[in-house]
Amino acid sequence: MRRELDINEFKSLCRDVQQFIGCTEQDSTRVKELLNEILLAQDFQDLIGQIIRQVVQLVKDVGIHFVFLLTVFGDIACGI
């Protein structure tokens, strides 16, 4: 910046900066890919969690209705 480098040092510095920018671009692309994978995994996990909660609720409802049926028809079956 203050012209304290000779031309060869400046060219070397420019090559280093150019290489650094190339590596940074590749690294940022990889980070973006990994973040997308994380988001997809979280979405999948949220979806599975919702399905599991619905199944658990369904099992609870079936259990409640089954007990109700047993109490209603259990009295009739015992009377036969």
PDB file of N, CA and C in Angstrom:
ATOM      1  N   MET A   1       0.827  -1.205   0.000  1.00  0.00           N
ATOM      2  CA  MET A   1       0.000   0.000   0.000  1.00  0.00           C
ATOM      3  C   MET A   1       0.868   1.264   0.000  1.00  0.00           C
ATOM      4  N   ARG A   2       1.960   1.191   0.763  1.00  0.00           N
ATOM      5  CA  ARG A   2       2.841   2.368   0.812  1.00  0.00           C
ATOM      6  C   ARG A   2       4.053   2.184  -0.101  1.00  0.00           C
ATOM      7  N   ARG A   3       3.960   1.199  -0.995  1.00  0.00           N
ATOM      8  CA  ARG A   3       5.016   0.903  -1.970  1.00  0.00           C
ATOM      9  C   ARG A   3       6.335   0.544  -1.293  1.00  0.00           C
ATOM     10  N   GLU A   4       6.209  -0.214  -0.203  1.00  0.00           N
ATOM     11  CA  GLU A   4       7.404  -0.634   0.513  1.00  0.00           C
ATOM     12  C   GLU A   4       7.899  -1.997   0.035  1.00  0.00           C
ATOM     13  N   LEU A   5       7.115  -2.675  -0.814  1.00  0.00           N
ATOM     14  CA  LEU A   5       7.493  -3.979  -1.330  1.00  0.00           C
ATOM     15  C   LEU A   5       8.079  -3.829  -2.732  1.00  0.00           C
ATOM     16  N   ASP A   6       9.052  -4.687  -3.013  1.00  0.00           N
ATOM     17  CA  ASP A   6       9.525  -4.676  -4.399  1.00  0.00           C
ATOM     18  C   ASP A   6       8.529  -5.455  -5.248  1.00  0.00           C
ATOM     19  N   ILE A   7       8.690  -5.441  -6.535  1.00  0.00           N
ATOM     20  CA  ILE A   7       7.709  -5.997  -7.468  1.00  0.00           C
ATOM     21  C   ILE A   7       7.531  -7.502  -7.269  1.00  0.00           C
ATOM     22  N   ASN A   8       8.595  -8.233  -6.995  1.00  0.00           N
ATOM     23  CA  ASN A   8       8.498  -9.684  -6.800  1.00  0.00           C
ATOM     24  C   ASN A   8       7.724 -10.025  -5.533  1.00  0.00           C
ATOM     25  N   GLU A   9       7.976  -9.282  -4.467  1.00  0.00           N
ATOM     26  CA  GLU A   9       7.226  -9.505  -3.225  1.00  0.00           C
ATOM     27  C   GLU A   9       5.744  -9.167  -3.421  1.00  0.00           C
ATOM     28  N   PHE A  10       5.509  -8.097  -4.178  1.00  0.00           N
ATOM     29  CA  PHE A  10       4.126  -7.700  -4.447  1.00  0.00           C
ATOM     30  C   PHE A  10       3.399  -8.764  -5.267  1.00  0.00           C
ATOM     31  N   LYS A  11       4.050  -9.309  -6.283  1.00  0.00           N
ATOM     32  CA  LYS A  11       3.450 -10.365  -7.098  1.00  0.00           C
ATOM     33  C   LYS A  11       3.177 -11.604  -6.245  1.00  0.00           C
ATOM     34  N   SER A  12       4.105 -11.935  -5.383  1.00  0.00           N
ATOM     35  CA  SER A  12       3.921 -13.076  -4.500  1.00  0.00           C
ATOM     36  C   SER A  12       2.733 -12.843  -3.567  1.00  0.00           C
ATOM     37  N   LEU A  13       2.654 -11.644  -3.042  1.00  0.00           N
ATOM     38  CA  LEU A  13       1.536 -11.292  -2.170  1.00  0.00           C
ATOM     39  C   LEU A  13       0.213 -11.383  -2.927  1.00  0.00           C
ATOM     40  N   CYS A  14       0.194 -10.905  -4.159  1.00  0.00           N
ATOM     41  CA  CYS A  14      -1.023 -10.973  -4.975  1.00  0.00           C
ATOM     42  C   CYS A  14      -1.434 -12.421  -5.227  1.00  0.00           C
ATOM     43  N   ARG A  15      -0.466 -13.287  -5.505  1.00  0.00           N
ATOM     44  CA  ARG A  15      -0.776 -14.708  -5.706  1.00  0.00           C
ATOM     45  C   ARG A  15      -1.335 -15.315  -4.416  1.00  0.00           C
ATOM     46  N   ASP A  16      -0.742 -14.968  -3.293  1.00  0.00           N
ATOM     47  CA  ASP A  16      -1.224 -15.487  -2.011  1.00  0.00           C
ATOM     48  C   ASP A  16      -2.655 -15.034  -1.733  1.00  0.00           C
ATOM     49  N   VAL A  17      -2.925 -13.760  -2.021  1.00  0.00           N
ATOM     50  CA  VAL A  17      -4.273 -13.228  -1.804  1.00  0.00           C
ATOM     51  C   VAL A  17      -5.264 -13.915  -2.732  1.00  0.00           C
ATOM     52  N   GLN A  18      -4.862 -14.107  -3.987  1.00  0.00           N
ATOM     53  CA  GLN A  18      -5.736 -14.770  -4.946  1.00  0.00           C
ATOM     54  C   GLN A  18      -6.013 -16.214  -4.519  1.00  0.00           C
ATOM     55  N   GLN A  19      -5.012 -16.917  -4.048  1.00  0.00           N
ATOM     56  CA  GLN A  19      -5.184 -18.286  -3.561  1.00  0.00           C
ATOM     57  C   GLN A  19      -6.086 -18.311  -2.329  1.00  0.00           C
ATOM     58  N   PHE A  20      -5.881 -17.346  -1.440  1.00  0.00           N
ATOM     59  CA  PHE A  20      -6.717 -17.251  -0.242  1.00  0.00           C
ATOM     60  C   PHE A  20      -8.183 -17.030  -0.609  1.00  0.00           C
ATOM     61  N   ILE A  21      -8.432 -16.149  -1.574  1.00  0.00           N
ATOM     62  CA  ILE A  21      -9.809 -15.876  -1.999  1.00  0.00           C
ATOM     63  C   ILE A  21     -10.430 -17.124  -2.601  1.00  0.00           C
ATOM     64  N   GLY A  22      -9.659 -17.868  -3.400  1.00  0.00           N
ATOM     65  CA  GLY A  22     -10.167 -19.115  -3.970  1.00  0.00           C
ATOM     66  C   GLY A  22     -10.519 -20.124  -2.895  1.00  0.00           C
ATOM     67  N   CYS A  23      -9.649 -20.267  -1.912  1.00  0.00           N
ATOM     68  CA  CYS A  23      -9.913 -21.198  -0.807  1.00  0.00           C
ATOM     69  C   CYS A  23     -11.122 -20.749   0.006  1.00  0.00           C
ATOM     70  N   THR A  24     -11.229 -19.460   0.216  1.00  0.00           N
ATOM     71  CA  THR A  24     -12.355 -18.921   0.977  1.00  0.00           C
ATOM     72  C   THR A  24     -13.665 -19.185   0.258  1.00  0.00           C
ATOM     73  N   GLU A  25     -13.666 -19.061  -1.053  1.00  0.00           N
ATOM     74  CA  GLU A  25     -14.867 -19.327  -1.835  1.00  0.00           C
ATOM     75  C   GLU A  25     -15.269 -20.797  -1.716  1.00  0.00           C
ATOM     76  N   GLN A  26     -14.303 -21.692  -1.815  1.00  0.00           N
ATOM     77  CA  GLN A  26     -14.591 -23.123  -1.671  1.00  0.00           C
ATOM     78  C   GLN A  26     -15.088 -23.442  -0.265  1.00  0.00           C
ATOM     79  N   ASP A  27     -14.441 -22.855   0.721  1.00  0.00           N
ATOM     80  CA  ASP A  27     -14.835 -23.108   2.112  1.00  0.00           C
ATOM     81  C   ASP A  27     -16.239 -22.585   2.392  1.00  0.00           C
ATOM     82  N   SER A  28     -16.556 -21.407   1.864  1.00  0.00           N
ATOM     83  CA  SER A  28     -17.889 -20.857   2.113  1.00  0.00           C
ATOM     84  C   SER A  28     -18.958 -21.691   1.411  1.00  0.00           C
ATOM     85  N   THR A  29     -18.644 -22.231   0.250  1.00  0.00           N
ATOM     86  CA  THR A  29     -19.578 -23.126  -0.437  1.00  0.00           C
ATOM     87  C   THR A  29     -19.810 -24.384   0.394  1.00  0.00           C
ATOM     88  N   ARG A  30     -18.747 -24.929   0.942  1.00  0.00           N
ATOM     89  CA  ARG A  30     -18.867 -26.139   1.775  1.00  0.00           C
ATOM     90  C   ARG A  30     -19.670 -25.848   3.041  1.00  0.00           C
ATOM     91  N   VAL A  31     -19.434 -24.707   3.662  1.00  0.00           N
ATOM     92  CA  VAL A  31     -20.192 -24.329   4.866  1.00  0.00           C
ATOM     93  C   VAL A  31     -21.675 -24.200   4.522  1.00  0.00           C
ATOM     94  N   LYS A  32     -21.969 -23.601   3.381  1.00  0.00           N
ATOM     95  CA  LYS A  32     -23.365 -23.461   2.945  1.00  0.00           C
ATOM     96  C   LYS A  32     -24.002 -24.834   2.759  1.00  0.00           C
ATOM     97  N   GLU A  33     -23.286 -25.769   2.137  1.00  0.00           N
ATOM     98  CA  GLU A  33     -23.801 -27.133   1.950  1.00  0.00           C
ATOM     99  C   GLU A  33     -24.078 -27.798   3.296  1.00  0.00           C
ATOM    100  N   LEU A  34     -23.157 -27.655   4.227  1.00  0.00           N
ATOM    101  CA  LEU A  34     -23.322 -28.279   5.542  1.00  0.00           C
ATOM    102  C   LEU A  34     -24.485 -27.667   6.306  1.00  0.00           C
ATOM    103  N   LEU A  35     -24.645 -26.353   6.221  1.00  0.00           N
ATOM    104  CA  LEU A  35     -25.769 -25.698   6.887  1.00  0.00           C
ATOM    105  C   LEU A  35     -27.097 -26.157   6.292  1.00  0.00           C
ATOM    106  N   ASN A  36     -27.130 -26.331   4.979  1.00  0.00           N
ATOM    107  CA  ASN A  36     -28.348 -26.843   4.346  1.00  0.00           C
ATOM    108  C   ASN A  36     -28.656 -28.259   4.825  1.00  0.00           C
ATOM    109  N   GLU A  37     -27.625 -29.083   4.968  1.00  0.00           N
ATOM    110  CA  GLU A  37     -27.827 -30.439   5.492  1.00  0.00           C
ATOM    111  C   GLU A  37     -28.394 -30.395   6.906  1.00  0.00           C
ATOM    112  N   ILE A  38     -27.876 -29.489   7.716  1.00  0.00           N
ATOM    113  CA  ILE A  38     -28.360 -29.358   9.091  1.00  0.00           C
ATOM    114  C   ILE A  38     -29.825 -28.946   9.095  1.00  0.00           C
ATOM    115  N   LEU A  39     -30.172 -27.975   8.260  1.00  0.00           N
ATOM    116  CA  LEU A  39     -31.569 -27.527   8.201  1.00  0.00           C
ATOM    117  C   LEU A  39     -32.493 -28.640   7.734  1.00  0.00           C
ATOM    118  N   LEU A  40     -32.071 -29.401   6.733  1.00  0.00           N
ATOM    119  CA  LEU A  40     -32.893 -30.513   6.264  1.00  0.00           C
ATOM    120  C   LEU A  40     -33.052 -31.569   7.354  1.00  0.00           C
ATOM    121  N   ALA A  41     -31.981 -31.838   8.077  1.00  0.00           N
ATOM    122  CA  ALA A  41     -32.053 -32.822   9.159  1.00  0.00           C
ATOM    123  C   ALA A  41     -32.992 -32.343  10.261  1.00  0.00           C
ATOM    124  N   GLN A  42     -32.943 -31.060  10.575  1.00  0.00           N
ATOM    125  CA  GLN A  42     -33.835 -30.525  11.599  1.00  0.00           C
ATOM    126  C   GLN A  42     -35.288 -30.594  11.148  1.00  0.00           C
ATOM    127  N   ASP A  43     -35.535 -30.261   9.871  1.00  0.00           N
ATOM    128  CA  ASP A  43     -36.903 -30.356   9.347  1.00  0.00           C
ATOM    129  C   ASP A  43     -37.403 -31.787   9.422  1.00  0.00           C
ATOM    130  N   PHE A  44     -36.540 -32.742   9.047  1.00  0.00           N
ATOM    131  CA  PHE A  44     -36.919 -34.145   9.095  1.00  0.00           C
ATOM    132  C   PHE A  44     -37.203 -34.575  10.524  1.00  0.00           C
ATOM    133  N   GLN A  45     -36.339 -34.142  11.439  1.00  0.00           N
ATOM    134  CA  GLN A  45     -36.521 -34.492  12.848  1.00  0.00           C
ATOM    135  C   GLN A  45     -37.819 -33.890  13.377  1.00  0.00           C
ATOM    136  N   ASP A  46     -38.125 -32.647  13.009  1.00  0.00           N
ATOM    137  CA  ASP A  46     -39.372 -32.018  13.441  1.00  0.00           C
ATOM    138  C   ASP A  46     -40.573 -32.785  12.896  1.00  0.00           C
ATOM    139  N   LEU A  47     -40.489 -33.201  11.639  1.00  0.00           N
ATOM    140  CA  LEU A  47     -41.584 -33.949  11.021  1.00  0.00           C
ATOM    141  C   LEU A  47     -41.781 -35.285  11.714  1.00  0.00           C
ATOM    142  N   ILE A  48     -40.685 -35.992  11.979  1.00  0.00           N
ATOM    143  CA  ILE A  48     -40.776 -37.276  12.675  1.00  0.00           C
ATOM    144  C   ILE A  48     -41.344 -37.073  14.080  1.00  0.00           C
ATOM    145  N   GLY A  49     -40.910 -36.017  14.758  1.00  0.00           N
ATOM    146  CA  GLY A  49     -41.428 -35.720  16.090  1.00  0.00           C
ATOM    147  C   GLY A  49     -42.928 -35.483  16.075  1.00  0.00           C
ATOM    148  N   GLN A  50     -43.408 -34.760  15.063  1.00  0.00           N
ATOM    149  CA  GLN A  50     -44.843 -34.511  14.942  1.00  0.00           C
ATOM    150  C   GLN A  50     -45.600 -35.813  14.709  1.00  0.00           C
ATOM    151  N   ILE A  51     -45.057 -36.667  13.850  1.00  0.00           N
ATOM    152  CA  ILE A  51     -45.712 -37.953  13.576  1.00  0.00           C
ATOM    153  C   ILE A  51     -45.757 -38.805  14.834  1.00  0.00           C
ATOM    154  N   ILE A  52     -44.650 -38.836  15.573  1.00  0.00           N
ATOM    155  CA  ILE A  52     -44.605 -39.627  16.815  1.00  0.00           C
ATOM    156  C   ILE A  52     -45.625 -39.103  17.812  1.00  0.00           C
ATOM    157  N   ARG A  53     -45.724 -37.783  17.954  1.00  0.00           N
ATOM    158  CA  ARG A  53     -46.714 -37.212  18.875  1.00  0.00           C
ATOM    159  C   ARG A  53     -48.133 -37.593  18.454  1.00  0.00           C
ATOM    160  N   GLN A  54     -48.404 -37.577  17.155  1.00  0.00           N
ATOM    161  CA  GLN A  54     -49.737 -37.944  16.676  1.00  0.00           C
ATOM    162  C   GLN A  54     -50.029 -39.423  16.944  1.00  0.00           C
ATOM    163  N   VAL A  55     -49.043 -40.279  16.731  1.00  0.00           N
ATOM    164  CA  VAL A  55     -49.233 -41.708  16.990  1.00  0.00           C
ATOM    165  C   VAL A  55     -49.468 -41.956  18.472  1.00  0.00           C
ATOM    166  N   VAL A  56     -48.702 -41.284  19.328  1.00  0.00           N
ATOM    167  CA  VAL A  56     -48.880 -41.443  20.769  1.00  0.00           C
ATOM    168  C   VAL A  56     -50.281 -40.986  21.171  1.00  0.00           C
ATOM    169  N   GLN A  57     -50.738 -39.871  20.623  1.00  0.00           N
ATOM    170  CA  GLN A  57     -52.081 -39.389  20.938  1.00  0.00           C
ATOM    171  C   GLN A  57     -53.138 -40.369  20.450  1.00  0.00           C
ATOM    172  N   LEU A  58     -52.927 -40.929  19.265  1.00  0.00           N
ATOM    173  CA  LEU A  58     -53.864 -41.916  18.723  1.00  0.00           C
ATOM    174  C   LEU A  58     -53.940 -43.145  19.625  1.00  0.00           C
ATOM    175  N   VAL A  59     -52.798 -43.620  20.089  1.00  0.00           N
ATOM    176  CA  VAL A  59     -52.766 -44.784  20.986  1.00  0.00           C
ATOM    177  C   VAL A  59     -53.489 -44.461  22.292  1.00  0.00           C
ATOM    178  N   LYS A  60     -53.282 -43.266  22.819  1.00  0.00           N
ATOM    179  CA  LYS A  60     -53.995 -42.865  24.042  1.00  0.00           C
ATOM    180  C   LYS A  60     -55.501 -42.854  23.811  1.00  0.00           C
ATOM    181  N   ASP A  61     -55.926 -42.267  22.682  1.00  0.00           N
ATOM    182  CA  ASP A  61     -57.360 -42.206  22.371  1.00  0.00           C
ATOM    183  C   ASP A  61     -57.952 -43.605  22.224  1.00  0.00           C
ATOM    184  N   VAL A  62     -57.251 -44.473  21.522  1.00  0.00           N
ATOM    185  CA  VAL A  62     -57.732 -45.850  21.353  1.00  0.00           C
ATOM    186  C   VAL A  62     -57.831 -46.534  22.712  1.00  0.00           C
ATOM    187  N   GLY A  63     -56.827 -46.324  23.564  1.00  0.00           N
ATOM    188  CA  GLY A  63     -56.856 -46.919  24.902  1.00  0.00           C
ATOM    189  C   GLY A  63     -58.050 -46.440  25.712  1.00  0.00           C
ATOM    190  N   ILE A  64     -58.310 -45.152  25.661  1.00  0.00           N
ATOM    191  CA  ILE A  64     -59.448 -44.593  26.404  1.00  0.00           C
ATOM    192  C   ILE A  64     -60.759 -45.190  25.886  1.00  0.00           C
ATOM    193  N   HIS A  65     -60.912 -45.245  24.565  1.00  0.00           N
ATOM    194  CA  HIS A  65     -62.140 -45.790  23.984  1.00  0.00           C
ATOM    195  C   HIS A  65     -62.265 -47.292  24.244  1.00  0.00           C
ATOM    196  N   PHE A  66     -61.144 -47.977  24.249  1.00  0.00           N
ATOM    197  CA  PHE A  66     -61.166 -49.410  24.535  1.00  0.00           C
ATOM    198  C   PHE A  66     -61.633 -49.675  25.963  1.00  0.00           C
ATOM    199  N   VAL A  67     -61.118 -48.893  26.897  1.00  0.00           N
ATOM    200  CA  VAL A  67     -61.548 -49.035  28.301  1.00  0.00           C
ATOM    201  C   VAL A  67     -63.039 -48.730  28.420  1.00  0.00           C
ATOM    202  N   PHE A  68     -63.497 -47.700  27.712  1.00  0.00           N
ATOM    203  CA  PHE A  68     -64.915 -47.358  27.728  1.00  0.00           C
ATOM    204  C   PHE A  68     -65.754 -48.523  27.193  1.00  0.00           C
ATOM    205  N   LEU A  69     -65.319 -49.100  26.068  1.00  0.00           N
ATOM    206  CA  LEU A  69     -66.050 -50.234  25.496  1.00  0.00           C
ATOM    207  C   LEU A  69     -66.066 -51.421  26.454  1.00  0.00           C
ATOM    208  N   LEU A  70     -64.947 -51.665  27.111  1.00  0.00           N
ATOM    209  CA  LEU A  70     -64.899 -52.773  28.067  1.00  0.00           C
ATOM    210  C   LEU A  70     -65.855 -52.547  29.229  1.00  0.00           C
ATOM    211  N   THR A  71     -65.931 -51.314  29.700  1.00  0.00           N
ATOM    212  CA  THR A  71     -66.829 -51.052  30.831  1.00  0.00           C
ATOM    213  C   THR A  71     -68.288 -51.154  30.401  1.00  0.00           C
ATOM    214  N   VAL A  72     -68.595 -50.700  29.184  1.00  0.00           N
ATOM    215  CA  VAL A  72     -69.993 -50.765  28.721  1.00  0.00           C
ATOM    216  C   VAL A  72     -70.376 -52.201  28.384  1.00  0.00           C
ATOM    217  N   PHE A  73     -69.583 -52.852  27.562  1.00  0.00           N
ATOM    218  CA  PHE A  73     -69.937 -54.200  27.125  1.00  0.00           C
ATOM    219  C   PHE A  73     -69.495 -55.271  28.114  1.00  0.00           C
ATOM    220  N   GLY A  74     -68.637 -54.916  29.037  1.00  0.00           N
ATOM    221  CA  GLY A  74     -68.241 -55.874  30.061  1.00  0.00           C
ATOM    222  C   GLY A  74     -69.403 -56.212  30.963  1.00  0.00           C
ATOM    223  N   ASP A  75     -70.220 -55.219  31.277  1.00  0.00           N
ATOM    224  CA  ASP A  75     -71.406 -55.444  32.098  1.00  0.00           C
ATOM    225  C   ASP A  75     -72.399 -56.335  31.366  1.00  0.00           C
ATOM    226  N   ILE A  76     -72.552 -56.135  30.075  1.00  0.00           N
ATOM    227  CA  ILE A  76     -73.498 -56.933  29.283  1.00  0.00           C
ATOM    228  C   ILE A  76     -72.974 -58.370  29.164  1.00  0.00           C
ATOM    229  N   ALA A  77     -71.686 -58.521  28.919  1.00  0.00           N
ATOM    230  CA  ALA A  77     -71.110 -59.862  28.779  1.00  0.00           C
ATOM    231  C   ALA A  77     -71.204 -60.633  30.083  1.00  0.00           C
ATOM    232  N   CYS A  78     -71.012 -59.949  31.204  1.00  0.00           N
ATOM    233  CA  CYS A  78     -71.097 -60.625  32.501  1.00  0.00           C
ATOM    234  C   CYS A  78     -72.553 -61.034  32.808  1.00  0.00           C
ATOM    235  N   GLY A  79     -73.516 -60.320  32.273  1.00  0.00           N
ATOM    236  CA  GLY A  79     -74.919 -60.609  32.527  1.00  0.00           C
ATOM    237  C   GLY A  79     -75.443 -61.780  31.722  1.00  0.00           C
ATOM    238  N   ILE A  80     -74.693 -62.210  30.696  1.00  0.00           N
ATOM    239  CA  ILE A  80     -75.177 -63.316  29.832  1.00  0.00           C
ATOM    240  C   ILE A  80     -74.993 -64.621  30.488  1.00  0.00           C
TER     241      ILE A  80
END
